[in-house]
C-alpha atoms as a PDB file:
ATOM      1  CA  UNK A   1      -0.009   0.010   0.000  1.00  0.00           C
ATOM      2  CA  UNK A   2       1.260   3.311  -0.831  1.00  0.00           C
ATOM      3  CA  UNK A   3       0.891   6.533   1.020  1.00  0.00           C
ATOM      4  CA  UNK A   4      -1.949   7.855  -1.040  1.00  0.00           C
ATOM      5  CA  UNK A   5      -4.041   4.781  -0.563  1.00  0.00           C
ATOM      6  CA  UNK A   6      -3.480   4.981   3.207  1.00  0.00           C
ATOM      7  CA  UNK A   7      -4.530   8.610   3.198  1.00  0.00           C
ATOM      8  CA  UNK A   8      -7.695   7.780   1.358  1.00  0.00           C
ATOM      9  CA  UNK A   9      -8.527   5.080   3.866  1.00  0.00           C
ATOM     10  CA  UNK A  10      -7.718   7.193   6.961  1.00  0.00           C
ATOM     11  CA  UNK A  11      -9.184  10.503   5.674  1.00  0.00           C
ATOM     12  CA  UNK A  12     -12.872   9.564   6.286  1.00  0.00           C
ATOM     13  CA  UNK A  13     -11.959   8.390   9.751  1.00  0.00           C
ATOM     14  CA  UNK A  14     -10.225  11.711  10.618  1.00  0.00           C
ATOM     15  CA  UNK A  15     -13.093  13.705   9.151  1.00  0.00           C
ATOM     16  CA  UNK A  16     -15.622  11.827  11.242  1.00  0.00           C
ATOM     17  CA  UNK A  17     -13.426  12.273  14.338  1.00  0.00           C
ATOM     18  CA  UNK A  18     -13.113  15.981  13.638  1.00  0.00           C
ATOM     19  CA  UNK A  19     -16.846  16.431  13.395  1.00  0.00           C
ATOM     20  CA  UNK A  20     -17.332  14.456  16.631  1.00  0.00           C
ATOM     21  CA  UNK A  21     -14.798  16.575  18.488  1.00  0.00           C
ATOM     22  CA  UNK A  22     -16.421  19.736  17.178  1.00  0.00           C
ATOM     23  CA  UNK A  23     -19.896  18.650  18.328  1.00  0.00           C
ATOM     24  CA  UNK A  24     -18.559  17.606  21.711  1.00  0.00           C
ATOM     25  CA  UNK A  25     -16.782  20.902  22.289  1.00  0.00           C
ATOM     26  CA  UNK A  26     -19.786  23.037  21.220  1.00  0.00           C
ATOM     27  CA  UNK A  27     -22.358  21.048  23.236  1.00  0.00           C
ATOM     28  CA  UNK A  28     -20.480  21.144  26.552  1.00  0.00           C
ATOM     29  CA  UNK A  29     -20.120  24.278  28.572  1.00  0.00           C
ATOM     30  CA  UNK A  30     -17.239  23.021  30.654  1.00  0.00           C
ATOM     31  CA  UNK A  31     -15.166  19.971  30.114  1.00  0.00           C
ATOM     32  CA  UNK A  32     -15.389  17.388  32.875  1.00  0.00           C
ATOM     33  CA  UNK A  33     -12.870  14.851  33.967  1.00  0.00           C
ATOM     34  CA  UNK A  34     -13.724  11.240  33.358  1.00  0.00           C
ATOM     35  CA  UNK A  35     -13.720  10.477  37.077  1.00  0.00           C
ATOM     36  CA  UNK A  36     -16.307  13.197  37.736  1.00  0.00           C
ATOM     37  CA  UNK A  37     -18.641  11.971  35.024  1.00  0.00           C
ATOM     38  CA  UNK A  38     -18.672   8.439  36.396  1.00  0.00           C
ATOM     39  CA  UNK A  39     -19.165   9.374  40.060  1.00  0.00           C
ATOM     40  CA  UNK A  40     -22.782   9.088  41.217  1.00  0.00           C
ATOM     41  CA  UNK A  41     -24.371  12.224  42.628  1.00  0.00           C
ATOM     42  CA  UNK A  42     -23.976  12.580  46.394  1.00  0.00           C
ATOM     43  CA  UNK A  43     -26.935  11.117  48.346  1.00  0.00           C
ATOM     44  CA  UNK A  44     -29.544  13.601  49.467  1.00  0.00           C
ATOM     45  CA  UNK A  45     -29.564  14.013  53.175  1.00  0.00           C
ATOM     46  CA  UNK A  46     -32.989  13.360  54.608  1.00  0.00           C
ATOM     47  CA  UNK A  47     -33.743  15.256  57.730  1.00  0.00           C
ATOM     48  CA  UNK A  48     -36.141  13.404  59.999  1.00  0.00           C
ATOM     49  CA  UNK A  49     -38.306  15.481  62.261  1.00  0.00           C
ATOM     50  CA  UNK A  50     -37.664  14.248  65.746  1.00  0.00           C
ATOM     51  CA  UNK A  51     -40.715  14.653  67.944  1.00  0.00           C
ATOM     52  CA  UNK A  52     -40.057  15.297  71.609  1.00  0.00           C
ATOM     53  CA  UNK A  53     -40.944  12.405  73.861  1.00  0.00           C
ATOM     54  CA  UNK A  54     -43.076  13.295  76.842  1.00  0.00           C
ATOM     55  CA  UNK A  55     -43.786  11.233  79.904  1.00  0.00           C
ATOM     56  CA  UNK A  56     -46.685  11.465  82.271  1.00  0.00           C
ATOM     57  CA  UNK A  57     -47.414  13.198  84.580  1.00  0.00           C
ATOM     58  CA  UNK A  58     -46.647  16.526  82.841  1.00  0.00           C
ATOM     59  CA  UNK A  59     -47.648  20.059  83.819  1.00  0.00           C
ATOM     60  CA  UNK A  60     -49.298  22.197  81.187  1.00  0.00           C
ATOM     61  CA  UNK A  61     -51.747  25.047  80.908  1.00  0.00           C
ATOM     62  CA  UNK A  62     -54.406  23.663  78.619  1.00  0.00           C
ATOM     63  CA  UNK A  63     -56.761  25.773  76.542  1.00  0.00           C
ATOM     64  CA  UNK A  64     -60.189  24.671  75.385  1.00  0.00           C
ATOM     65  CA  UNK A  65     -61.852  25.486  72.031  1.00  0.00           C
ATOM     66  CA  UNK A  66     -63.419  28.647  73.462  1.00  0.00           C
ATOM     67  CA  UNK A  67     -60.037  29.967  74.712  1.00  0.00           C
ATOM     68  CA  UNK A  68     -60.368  29.308  78.459  1.00  0.00           C
ATOM     69  CA  UNK A  69     -57.091  28.303  80.175  1.00  0.00           C
ATOM     70  CA  UNK A  70     -56.724  25.613  82.799  1.00  0.00           C
ATOM     71  CA  UNK A  71     -53.469  25.187  84.719  1.00  0.00           C
ATOM     72  CA  UNK A  72     -53.191  21.446  85.268  1.00  0.00           C
ATOM     73  CA  UNK A  73     -51.082  18.342  85.468  1.00  0.00           C
ATOM     74  CA  UNK A  74     -51.877  15.685  82.913  1.00  0.00           C
ATOM     75  CA  UNK A  75     -51.736  12.331  84.693  1.00  0.00           C
ATOM     76  CA  UNK A  76     -53.296  10.000  82.140  1.00  0.00           C
ATOM     77  CA  UNK A  77     -54.321   9.682  78.500  1.00  0.00           C
ATOM     78  CA  UNK A  78     -56.864   7.390  76.935  1.00  0.00           C
ATOM     79  CA  UNK A  79     -58.012   7.155  73.308  1.00  0.00           C
ATOM     80  CA  UNK A  80     -60.489  10.032  73.592  1.00  0.00           C
ATOM     81  CA  UNK A  81     -59.853  11.648  76.962  1.00  0.00           C
ATOM     82  CA  UNK A  82     -57.074  12.889  79.223  1.00  0.00           C
ATOM     83  CA  UNK A  83     -57.097  12.796  83.004  1.00  0.00           C
ATOM     84  CA  UNK A  84     -55.880  15.971  84.691  1.00  0.00           C
ATOM     85  CA  UNK A  85     -55.446  17.344  88.179  1.00  0.00           C
ATOM     86  CA  UNK A  86     -56.416  21.009  88.335  1.00  0.00           C
ATOM     87  CA  UNK A  87     -53.619  23.010  90.018  1.00  0.00           C
ATOM     88  CA  UNK A  88     -56.068  25.491  91.548  1.00  0.00           C
ATOM     89  CA  UNK A  89     -57.715  23.030  93.924  1.00  0.00           C
ATOM     90  CA  UNK A  90     -56.216  19.577  93.231  1.00  0.00           C
ATOM     91  CA  UNK A  91     -59.474  18.180  91.829  1.00  0.00           C
ATOM     92  CA  UNK A  92     -59.243  15.416  89.255  1.00  0.00           C
ATOM     93  CA  UNK A  93     -61.116  15.529  85.937  1.00  0.00           C
ATOM     94  CA  UNK A  94     -61.415  13.632  82.656  1.00  0.00           C
ATOM     95  CA  UNK A  95     -61.499  15.963  79.654  1.00  0.00           C
ATOM     96  CA  UNK A  96     -62.394  15.009  76.072  1.00  0.00           C
ATOM     97  CA  UNK A  97     -59.427  15.577  73.781  1.00  0.00           C
ATOM     98  CA  UNK A  98     -61.814  16.939  71.140  1.00  0.00           C
ATOM     99  CA  UNK A  99     -62.709  19.823  73.510  1.00  0.00           C
ATOM    100  CA  UNK A 100     -59.103  21.110  73.538  1.00  0.00           C
ATOM    101  CA  UNK A 101     -57.618  23.809  71.313  1.00  0.00           C
ATOM    102  CA  UNK A 102     -55.854  22.587  68.150  1.00  0.00           C
ATOM    103  CA  UNK A 103     -52.436  23.290  69.669  1.00  0.00           C
ATOM    104  CA  UNK A 104     -53.218  21.263  72.786  1.00  0.00           C
ATOM    105  CA  UNK A 105     -54.747  18.439  70.735  1.00  0.00           C
ATOM    106  CA  UNK A 106     -51.460  18.287  68.804  1.00  0.00           C
ATOM    107  CA  UNK A 107     -49.508  18.256  72.095  1.00  0.00           C
ATOM    108  CA  UNK A 108     -51.714  15.547  73.602  1.00  0.00           C
ATOM    109  CA  UNK A 109     -51.354  13.414  70.435  1.00  0.00           C
ATOM    110  CA  UNK A 110     -47.646  13.099  71.210  1.00  0.00           C
ATOM    111  CA  UNK A 111     -48.303  11.826  74.727  1.00  0.00           C
ATOM    112  CA  UNK A 112     -48.139   8.091  75.286  1.00  0.00           C
ATOM    113  CA  UNK A 113     -51.344   6.181  76.103  1.00  0.00           C
ATOM    114  CA  UNK A 114     -51.350   5.810  79.857  1.00  0.00           C
ATOM    115  CA  UNK A 115     -54.352   5.147  82.030  1.00  0.00           C
ATOM    116  CA  UNK A 116     -54.337   7.187  85.205  1.00  0.00           C
ATOM    117  CA  UNK A 117     -54.161   5.382  88.493  1.00  0.00           C
ATOM    118  CA  UNK A 118     -57.578   5.097  90.169  1.00  0.00           C
ATOM    119  CA  UNK A 119     -58.314   7.750  92.734  1.00  0.00           C
ATOM    120  CA  UNK A 120     -57.493   6.610  96.199  1.00  0.00           C
ATOM    121  CA  UNK A 121     -59.631   7.349  99.200  1.00  0.00           C
ATOM    122  CA  UNK A 122     -57.942   9.629 101.700  1.00  0.00           C
ATOM    123  CA  UNK A 123     -56.689   7.665 104.676  1.00  0.00           C
ATOM    124  CA  UNK A 124     -59.214   7.660 107.488  1.00  0.00           C
ATOM    125  CA  UNK A 125     -60.116   5.597 110.478  1.00  0.00           C
ATOM    126  CA  UNK A 126     -60.137   1.896 109.827  1.00  0.00           C
ATOM    127  CA  UNK A 127     -63.869   1.419 110.263  1.00  0.00           C
ATOM    128  CA  UNK A 128     -65.439  -1.488 108.507  1.00  0.00           C
ATOM    129  CA  UNK A 129     -68.196  -0.167 106.343  1.00  0.00           C
ATOM    130  CA  UNK A 130     -71.404  -2.110 106.865  1.00  0.00           C
ATOM    131  CA  UNK A 131     -73.477  -2.475 103.738  1.00  0.00           C
ATOM    132  CA  UNK A 132     -77.202  -2.160 104.224  1.00  0.00           C
ATOM    133  CA  UNK A 133     -79.066  -5.090 102.705  1.00  0.00           C
ATOM    134  CA  UNK A 134     -81.315  -4.082  99.795  1.00  0.00           C
ATOM    135  CA  UNK A 135     -84.436  -5.275 101.630  1.00  0.00           C
ATOM    136  CA  UNK A 136     -83.802  -2.816 104.481  1.00  0.00           C
ATOM    137  CA  UNK A 137     -82.524  -0.036 102.173  1.00  0.00           C
ATOM    138  CA  UNK A 138     -85.710  -0.038 100.094  1.00  0.00           C
ATOM    139  CA  UNK A 139     -87.911   0.131 103.235  1.00  0.00           C
ATOM    140  CA  UNK A 140     -85.828   2.928 104.719  1.00  0.00           C
ATOM    141  CA  UNK A 141     -86.159   4.856 101.473  1.00  0.00           C
ATOM    142  CA  UNK A 142     -89.982   4.378 101.584  1.00  0.00           C
ATOM    143  CA  UNK A 143     -90.045   5.565 105.227  1.00  0.00           C
ATOM    144  CA  UNK A 144     -88.135   8.722 104.210  1.00  0.00           C
ATOM    145  CA  UNK A 145     -90.659   9.529 101.480  1.00  0.00           C
ATOM    146  CA  UNK A 146     -93.610   8.896 103.822  1.00  0.00           C
ATOM    147  CA  UNK A 147     -92.096  11.207 106.466  1.00  0.00           C
ATOM    148  CA  UNK A 148     -91.758  13.982 103.869  1.00  0.00           C
ATOM    149  CA  UNK A 149     -95.462  13.581 103.009  1.00  0.00           C
ATOM    150  CA  UNK A 150     -96.283  13.676 106.719  1.00  0.00           C
ATOM    151  CA  UNK A 151     -94.442  16.985 107.113  1.00  0.00           C
ATOM    152  CA  UNK A 152     -96.232  18.412 104.109  1.00  0.00           C
ATOM    153  CA  UNK A 153     -99.602  17.382 105.554  1.00  0.00           C
ATOM    154  CA  UNK A 154     -98.605  18.949 108.905  1.00  0.00           C
ATOM    155  CA  UNK A 155     -97.924  22.280 107.143  1.00  0.00           C
ATOM    156  CA  UNK A 156    -101.273  22.106 105.338  1.00  0.00           C
ATOM    157  CA  UNK A 157    -103.078  21.410 108.646  1.00  0.00           C
ATOM    158  CA  UNK A 158    -101.453  24.447 110.302  1.00  0.00           C
ATOM    159  CA  UNK A 159    -102.217  26.650 107.274  1.00  0.00           C
ATOM    160  CA  UNK A 160    -105.870  25.653 106.925  1.00  0.00           C
ATOM    161  CA  UNK A 161    -107.981  28.393 108.458  1.00  0.00           C
ATOM    162  CA  UNK A 162    -110.606  26.807 110.671  1.00  0.00           C
ATOM    163  CA  UNK A 163    -112.120  24.518 108.059  1.00  0.00           C
ATOM    164  CA  UNK A 164    -112.832  21.512 110.269  1.00  0.00           C
ATOM    165  CA  UNK A 165    -113.586  19.090 107.423  1.00  0.00           C
ATOM    166  CA  UNK A 166    -110.256  19.847 105.716  1.00  0.00           C
ATOM    167  CA  UNK A 167    -108.307  19.571 108.998  1.00  0.00           C
ATOM    168  CA  UNK A 168    -110.002  16.271 109.837  1.00  0.00           C
ATOM    169  CA  UNK A 169    -109.267  14.809 106.387  1.00  0.00           C
ATOM    170  CA  UNK A 170    -105.606  15.922 106.487  1.00  0.00           C
ATOM    171  CA  UNK A 171    -105.171  14.567 110.028  1.00  0.00           C
ATOM    172  CA  UNK A 172    -106.641  11.213 108.973  1.00  0.00           C
ATOM    173  CA  UNK A 173    -104.204  11.044 105.978  1.00  0.00           C
ATOM    174  CA  UNK A 174    -101.256  11.920 108.278  1.00  0.00           C
ATOM    175  CA  UNK A 175    -102.296   9.130 110.688  1.00  0.00           C
ATOM    176  CA  UNK A 176    -102.520   6.606 107.823  1.00  0.00           C
ATOM    177  CA  UNK A 177     -98.958   7.604 106.763  1.00  0.00           C
ATOM    178  CA  UNK A 178     -97.785   7.009 110.333  1.00  0.00           C
ATOM    179  CA  UNK A 179     -99.368   3.531 110.322  1.00  0.00           C
ATOM    180  CA  UNK A 180     -97.517   2.705 107.098  1.00  0.00           C
ATOM    181  CA  UNK A 181     -94.218   3.988 108.555  1.00  0.00           C
ATOM    182  CA  UNK A 182     -94.745   1.829 111.652  1.00  0.00           C
ATOM    183  CA  UNK A 183     -95.474  -1.236 109.491  1.00  0.00           C
ATOM    184  CA  UNK A 184     -92.289  -0.741 107.449  1.00  0.00           C
ATOM    185  CA  UNK A 185     -90.231  -0.201 110.588  1.00  0.00           C
ATOM    186  CA  UNK A 186     -91.578  -3.500 112.063  1.00  0.00           C
ATOM    187  CA  UNK A 187     -90.521  -5.292 108.856  1.00  0.00           C
ATOM    188  CA  UNK A 188     -87.015  -3.883 109.191  1.00  0.00           C
ATOM    189  CA  UNK A 189     -86.827  -4.860 112.882  1.00  0.00           C
ATOM    190  CA  UNK A 190     -88.014  -8.391 112.139  1.00  0.00           C
ATOM    191  CA  UNK A 191     -85.561  -8.811 109.274  1.00  0.00           C
ATOM    192  CA  UNK A 192     -82.427  -7.701 111.159  1.00  0.00           C
ATOM    193  CA  UNK A 193     -82.342 -10.339 113.926  1.00  0.00           C
ATOM    194  CA  UNK A 194     -83.059 -13.213 111.490  1.00  0.00           C
ATOM    195  CA  UNK A 195     -80.258 -12.098 109.134  1.00  0.00           C
ATOM    196  CA  UNK A 196     -77.638 -10.839 111.546  1.00  0.00           C
ATOM    197  CA  UNK A 197     -75.602 -14.087 111.347  1.00  0.00           C
END
């Protein structure tokens, strides 16, 4: 092969390479190194929002939907209510979460579910509480109602102005009430000794 034939073979190759280089240079704004082109982009940093963790009990001034404030200590949280102790007087309440302001509902949503301890009775004398049997309780309740009616009839008797027929009728009704009271009391007295064991 002579020189001319080699030039004819290589010439199209150099022309194509020249056009490629020209296109590459005009399409790129800045040349990059091969190592930069192959490197993957740096990973995007994801910032997680870290919610504060609260534990119960926690003090907070709560606000309801209408804007009223309540200084309290939250001692428990259920699905729909929170249990608080009001700082003003130490009284305990359950409040619906839906009744709170939006800000306080958001705050309460971050609290853990925690049922409040049951209220304990204040320590007092160790007296055994005697439960009244239902039989006696119902009769004592009836006696109470009959005595109220008796007192009412007594007032009507004293207010009636000399009408003998009215006074006599009211007195008879009052006496019938007393007989019923006496009958119920006898039932109670008879029941107690037989069931005291």
